[in-house]
Amino acid sequence: MNDQERKLKYSKEASSSQWSTAKESEETQRHVESADAYAFRESCDSYAQLAMNAFDHTRDLQKKGTLKKPLAVAMENLFPEQYGAHPQEMIKLVNGSRDKMVEYLTRRGITNEKEAQEIAKRHITSTFDTGHLNMWRKYWVADPKKSIMENDHEFDKWSLQKLGEMIDANVIGHIHLNDNYGYQDDHTAPGEGNTPIREMVKLLKQKGYKGEMIVEPGADYTTDQTGFHSVMKTWRHFNIPVYGSGTGLVPLKSSWENVGYGWFGQSQPPYFTFGAYSPSEDWTLWSNVPLE
């Protein structure tokens, strides 16, 4: 009997211990989340706090009368291997951060939900980089029945569709224009790769985008004569006409396409100015008489 009593007591103690362990495991499971969910939640919280800081600085500048534009957080779509590079991920990240900022604004006393949402939209946006989206090209699954050109065209259609989704979601607040060939972040000037930049800009304009568009040809800038020449390549790609100094629109044959890096081989003076207007020694006639 004594032996059986000891065994029964041991079984009760063991059962009690196991029950306690089960309760602890149940409590742990209630708080466990995946790495992806945790990282997303923490990211949204970090961006929201940063945006709150931008909100406070914006109000301070406004009170001083020196505010030119509200300060905003503009997270950028980086490389395909990183979270947020895919347009759908960026939309989710921006909206999640805005929702978190609304929570912080509500705690601050801004109880009007619509007002809080407008503030969050103003201070949390994204930077859309044309070249970074084009780098998804290297992961594009080509149709073996189609030619290389046809598959490239299909990717261009996909990239424009995704850009349209970002515009419709109202998450774009800034644009970087640069080019590459879909494999590396070459940062060449627009028109020197295979990114459908002209079509992207056209879509942005059609859907009402009115923000900045920054030309970002970092690689070209290091090899071109000046940064102006890198920008000039962009004008040439968009077929922007050359305007003269005080003469209005120059003849149609005078475009950035034929300007290039100079006016060599021409028998007439250039219809454009470069550098300081007066005095200027950048351009002279064959007789060395100053252009002005």
Protein backbone atom coordinates (compact mmCIF):
# COMPACT_ATOMS: atom_id res chain seq x y z
CA MET A 1 0.00 0.00 0.00
CA ASN A 2 2.80 2.41 0.90
CA ASP A 3 4.51 1.70 -2.42
CA GLN A 4 1.30 2.36 -4.35
CA GLU A 5 0.71 5.59 -2.43
CA ARG A 6 4.21 6.82 -3.32
CA LYS A 7 3.62 6.02 -7.00
CA LEU A 8 0.26 7.82 -6.93
CA LYS A 9 1.81 10.88 -5.29
CA TYR A 10 4.61 10.91 -7.88
CA SER A 11 2.07 10.64 -10.72
CA LYS A 12 0.09 13.60 -9.31
CA GLU A 13 3.21 15.74 -9.02
CA ALA A 14 4.33 14.80 -12.53
CA SER A 15 0.88 15.56 -13.94
CA SER A 16 0.80 18.91 -12.16
CA SER A 17 4.22 19.80 -13.59
CA GLN A 18 3.20 18.78 -17.09
CA TRP A 19 -0.03 20.79 -16.78
CA SER A 20 1.95 23.85 -15.76
CA THR A 21 4.32 23.36 -18.69
CA ALA A 22 1.36 23.04 -21.07
CA LYS A 23 -0.08 26.33 -19.78
CA GLU A 24 3.26 28.08 -20.30
CA SER A 25 3.47 26.71 -23.85
CA GLU A 26 -0.06 27.89 -24.55
CA GLU A 27 0.80 31.38 -23.31
CA THR A 28 3.98 31.43 -25.41
CA GLN A 29 2.10 30.38 -28.52
CA ARG A 30 -0.30 33.29 -28.08
CA HIS A 31 2.60 35.72 -28.43
CA VAL A 32 4.68 33.93 -31.03
CA GLU A 33 4.70 35.42 -34.57
CA SER A 34 6.68 34.75 -37.70
CA ALA A 35 9.85 36.67 -38.49
CA ASP A 36 8.11 38.26 -41.48
CA ALA A 37 5.16 39.48 -39.40
CA TYR A 38 7.45 40.80 -36.67
CA ALA A 39 9.73 42.60 -39.14
CA PHE A 40 6.76 44.16 -40.95
CA ARG A 41 5.17 45.36 -37.70
CA GLU A 42 8.42 46.84 -36.42
CA SER A 43 9.12 48.50 -39.80
CA CYS A 44 5.72 50.15 -39.88
CA ASP A 45 6.20 51.36 -36.32
CA SER A 46 9.65 52.79 -37.11
CA TYR A 47 8.43 54.62 -40.22
CA ALA A 48 5.43 55.94 -38.33
CA GLN A 49 7.61 57.32 -35.53
CA LEU A 50 9.94 58.92 -38.08
CA ALA A 51 6.94 60.45 -39.83
CA MET A 52 5.69 61.84 -36.52
CA ASN A 53 9.03 63.55 -36.15
CA ALA A 54 8.67 64.96 -39.67
CA PHE A 55 5.15 66.11 -38.75
CA ASP A 56 6.45 67.99 -35.70
CA HIS A 57 9.27 69.63 -37.67
CA THR A 58 6.82 70.63 -40.39
CA ARG A 59 4.60 72.40 -37.87
CA ASP A 60 7.61 74.17 -36.34
CA LEU A 61 8.74 75.46 -39.73
CA GLN A 62 5.21 76.52 -40.53
CA LYS A 63 5.00 78.56 -37.33
CA LYS A 64 8.29 80.26 -38.24
CA GLY A 65 7.00 81.03 -41.72
CA THR A 66 9.88 79.18 -43.40
CA LEU A 67 8.03 76.06 -44.56
CA LYS A 68 8.33 75.39 -48.30
CA LYS A 69 6.95 71.86 -48.36
CA PRO A 70 5.86 69.35 -45.69
CA LEU A 71 8.64 66.98 -44.63
CA ALA A 72 7.92 63.37 -45.50
CA VAL A 73 9.33 59.88 -45.20
CA ALA A 74 9.78 58.45 -48.71
CA MET A 75 10.93 54.82 -48.55
CA GLU A 76 12.47 53.64 -51.84
CA ASN A 77 11.92 50.47 -53.84
CA LEU A 78 15.43 49.06 -53.75
CA PHE A 79 16.82 45.82 -55.18
CA PRO A 80 14.55 42.82 -55.95
CA GLU A 81 16.32 40.75 -53.29
CA GLN A 82 15.14 43.11 -50.53
CA TYR A 83 11.70 43.51 -49.01
CA GLY A 84 9.81 46.50 -50.32
CA ALA A 85 11.32 46.38 -53.81
CA HIS A 86 8.23 44.72 -55.26
CA PRO A 87 5.43 47.24 -55.89
CA GLN A 88 2.88 45.18 -53.94
CA GLU A 89 5.23 45.03 -50.93
CA MET A 90 5.80 48.78 -51.11
CA ILE A 91 2.07 49.48 -51.19
CA LYS A 92 1.58 47.25 -48.14
CA LEU A 93 4.51 48.88 -46.30
CA VAL A 94 3.35 52.45 -46.95
CA ASN A 95 -0.26 51.71 -45.98
CA GLY A 96 0.81 49.81 -42.86
CA SER A 97 3.03 52.70 -41.78
CA ARG A 98 0.24 55.20 -42.41
CA ASP A 99 -2.17 53.15 -40.30
CA LYS A 100 0.36 53.12 -37.45
CA MET A 101 0.86 56.87 -37.73
CA VAL A 102 -2.91 57.35 -37.47
CA GLU A 103 -2.73 55.51 -34.12
CA TYR A 104 0.00 57.86 -32.89
CA LEU A 105 -1.92 60.92 -34.08
CA THR A 106 -5.04 59.70 -32.28
CA ARG A 107 -3.05 59.44 -29.05
CA ARG A 108 -1.92 63.02 -29.66
CA GLY A 109 -5.55 64.16 -29.65
CA ILE A 110 -6.33 64.21 -33.38
CA THR A 111 -9.52 62.21 -33.08
CA ASN A 112 -10.89 63.03 -36.52
CA GLU A 113 -9.93 59.85 -38.40
CA LYS A 114 -10.15 61.44 -41.86
CA GLU A 115 -7.87 64.30 -40.79
CA ALA A 116 -5.38 61.85 -39.29
CA GLN A 117 -5.37 59.79 -42.48
CA GLU A 118 -4.70 62.87 -44.60
CA ILE A 119 -1.78 63.84 -42.35
CA ALA A 120 -0.36 60.32 -42.60
CA LYS A 121 -0.63 60.36 -46.41
CA ARG A 122 1.16 63.68 -46.51
CA HIS A 123 4.08 62.55 -44.35
CA ILE A 124 4.54 58.91 -45.45
CA THR A 125 5.12 58.21 -49.14
CA SER A 126 7.52 56.22 -51.31
CA THR A 127 10.28 57.02 -53.79
CA PHE A 128 9.77 55.18 -57.05
CA ASP A 129 13.06 54.38 -58.81
CA THR A 130 12.62 53.43 -62.48
CA GLY A 131 15.89 51.49 -62.67
CA HIS A 132 15.19 49.47 -59.53
CA LEU A 133 11.87 48.24 -60.90
CA ASN A 134 13.59 47.32 -64.17
CA MET A 135 15.96 45.00 -62.26
CA TRP A 136 13.07 42.56 -61.84
CA ARG A 137 13.72 41.81 -65.52
CA LYS A 138 16.44 39.30 -64.56
CA TYR A 139 13.82 37.20 -62.73
CA TRP A 140 11.26 37.38 -65.50
CA VAL A 141 10.21 33.89 -66.67
CA ALA A 142 10.35 34.14 -70.45
CA ASP A 143 7.96 32.36 -72.77
CA PRO A 144 10.10 30.00 -74.90
CA LYS A 145 7.60 30.35 -77.74
CA LYS A 146 8.22 34.08 -77.97
CA SER A 147 11.22 36.04 -79.20
CA ILE A 148 13.54 37.99 -76.92
CA MET A 149 11.94 41.23 -78.06
CA GLU A 150 8.45 39.91 -77.39
CA ASN A 151 9.42 38.74 -73.90
CA ASP A 152 11.01 42.12 -73.18
CA HIS A 153 7.78 43.76 -74.29
CA GLU A 154 5.80 41.52 -71.92
CA PHE A 155 8.02 42.56 -69.02
CA ASP A 156 7.57 46.23 -69.93
CA LYS A 157 3.80 45.74 -69.83
CA TRP A 158 4.10 44.12 -66.39
CA SER A 159 6.28 46.93 -65.01
CA LEU A 160 3.88 49.59 -66.28
CA GLN A 161 0.96 47.69 -64.76
CA LYS A 162 2.71 47.57 -61.36
CA LEU A 163 3.59 51.25 -61.56
CA GLY A 164 -0.06 51.99 -62.29
CA GLU A 165 -1.08 50.03 -59.19
CA MET A 166 1.29 52.11 -57.07
CA ILE A 167 -0.08 55.36 -58.51
CA ASP A 168 -3.67 54.26 -57.95
CA ALA A 169 -2.80 53.32 -54.35
CA ASN A 170 -1.52 56.90 -53.87
CA VAL A 171 1.79 55.83 -52.34
CA ILE A 172 4.26 57.61 -54.69
CA GLY A 173 5.63 60.98 -53.60
CA HIS A 174 8.99 61.15 -55.34
CA ILE A 175 10.56 59.85 -58.58
CA HIS A 176 14.13 58.83 -59.50
CA LEU A 177 14.77 58.57 -63.24
CA ASN A 178 17.71 56.33 -64.17
CA ASP A 179 18.36 53.44 -66.50
CA ASN A 180 19.99 49.99 -66.65
CA TYR A 181 19.73 46.71 -68.55
CA GLY A 182 17.73 44.82 -65.95
CA TYR A 183 20.57 43.05 -64.14
CA GLN A 184 22.59 45.61 -62.19
CA ASP A 185 21.87 49.02 -60.69
CA ASP A 186 23.93 50.74 -63.39
CA HIS A 187 22.43 54.21 -62.85
CA THR A 188 22.93 55.34 -66.41
CA ALA A 189 21.04 58.25 -67.95
CA PRO A 190 17.49 57.60 -69.21
CA GLY A 191 17.63 56.11 -72.70
CA GLU A 192 20.92 54.27 -72.24
CA GLY A 193 19.32 51.01 -71.04
CA ASN A 194 16.08 49.14 -71.65
CA THR A 195 13.89 50.61 -68.90
CA PRO A 196 10.62 51.93 -70.41
CA ILE A 197 11.15 55.33 -68.81
CA ARG A 198 9.25 57.40 -71.36
CA GLU A 199 6.21 55.16 -70.98
CA MET A 200 6.52 55.33 -67.18
CA VAL A 201 6.61 59.13 -67.16
CA LYS A 202 3.69 59.25 -69.58
CA LEU A 203 1.67 56.98 -67.26
CA LEU A 204 2.55 59.10 -64.24
CA LYS A 205 1.36 62.24 -66.03
CA GLN A 206 -1.83 60.58 -67.24
CA LYS A 207 -2.71 59.50 -63.71
CA GLY A 208 -2.12 62.97 -62.29
CA TYR A 209 1.30 62.75 -60.63
CA LYS A 210 2.56 66.28 -59.95
CA GLY A 211 5.59 65.67 -57.74
CA GLU A 212 9.31 65.93 -58.48
CA MET A 213 11.14 63.80 -61.00
CA ILE A 214 14.86 63.65 -60.26
CA VAL A 215 17.31 62.53 -62.95
CA GLU A 216 19.77 60.23 -61.16
CA PRO A 217 22.46 59.07 -63.65
CA GLY A 218 25.18 58.52 -61.06
CA ALA A 219 27.37 56.34 -63.27
CA ASP A 220 27.27 58.75 -66.20
CA TYR A 221 27.98 61.69 -63.93
CA THR A 222 31.36 60.18 -63.04
CA THR A 223 32.42 59.85 -66.69
CA ASP A 224 30.67 62.72 -68.48
CA GLN A 225 32.36 66.06 -68.90
CA THR A 226 29.92 67.65 -66.48
CA GLY A 227 26.70 66.80 -64.71
CA PHE A 228 24.90 68.95 -67.27
CA HIS A 229 25.85 66.49 -70.00
CA SER A 230 24.21 63.68 -68.03
CA VAL A 231 21.00 65.69 -67.81
CA MET A 232 21.27 66.57 -71.49
CA LYS A 233 21.09 62.85 -72.34
CA THR A 234 17.73 62.73 -70.57
CA TRP A 235 16.43 65.68 -72.57
CA ARG A 236 17.60 63.97 -75.73
CA HIS A 237 15.80 60.74 -74.74
CA PHE A 238 12.54 62.64 -74.23
CA ASN A 239 13.09 64.58 -77.47
CA ILE A 240 12.85 67.89 -75.65
CA PRO A 241 13.53 70.81 -78.04
CA VAL A 242 16.36 73.27 -77.59
CA TYR A 243 15.39 76.84 -76.83
CA GLY A 244 17.63 79.71 -77.86
CA SER A 245 18.54 82.79 -75.87
CA GLY A 246 15.97 85.44 -76.75
CA THR A 247 15.15 83.89 -80.14
CA GLY A 248 12.29 81.61 -79.13
CA LEU A 249 12.05 78.05 -80.35
CA VAL A 250 14.98 77.12 -82.58
CA PRO A 251 14.56 75.31 -85.91
CA LEU A 252 13.25 71.75 -85.65
CA LYS A 253 16.60 70.32 -86.70
CA SER A 254 18.12 71.79 -83.54
CA SER A 255 17.43 69.26 -80.79
CA TRP A 256 19.42 67.66 -78.02
CA GLU A 257 19.90 64.71 -80.36
CA ASN A 258 22.20 66.70 -82.61
CA VAL A 259 23.68 68.92 -79.92
CA GLY A 260 25.55 66.08 -78.20
CA TYR A 261 28.76 67.26 -76.62
CA GLY A 262 29.34 70.22 -78.87
CA TRP A 263 28.61 71.83 -82.20
CA PHE A 264 31.46 70.26 -84.13
CA GLY A 265 31.14 70.07 -87.89
CA GLN A 266 28.48 72.78 -88.04
CA SER A 267 28.85 75.83 -90.25
CA GLN A 268 26.50 77.96 -88.18
CA PRO A 269 26.61 79.25 -84.60
CA PRO A 270 24.76 77.23 -81.96
CA TYR A 271 21.21 78.15 -80.99
CA PHE A 272 21.77 77.45 -77.34
CA THR A 273 23.94 78.73 -74.53
CA PHE A 274 25.90 76.70 -72.03
CA GLY A 275 27.39 77.91 -68.78
CA ALA A 276 27.28 81.54 -67.71
CA TYR A 277 25.42 83.79 -70.14
CA SER A 278 27.59 86.87 -69.94
CA PRO A 279 30.47 86.99 -69.93
CA SER A 280 30.91 83.53 -71.43
CA GLU A 281 33.85 81.85 -73.08
CA ASP A 282 32.19 78.47 -73.41
CA TRP A 283 31.16 79.06 -77.03
CA THR A 284 32.83 81.27 -79.61
CA LEU A 285 32.51 81.56 -83.37
CA TRP A 286 35.28 80.38 -85.71
CA SER A 287 36.68 83.92 -85.60
CA ASN A 288 36.93 83.66 -81.79
CA VAL A 289 34.44 86.49 -81.39
CA PRO A 290 32.46 85.90 -78.14
CA LEU A 291 29.03 84.40 -78.75
CA GLU A 292 27.15 87.26 -77.06
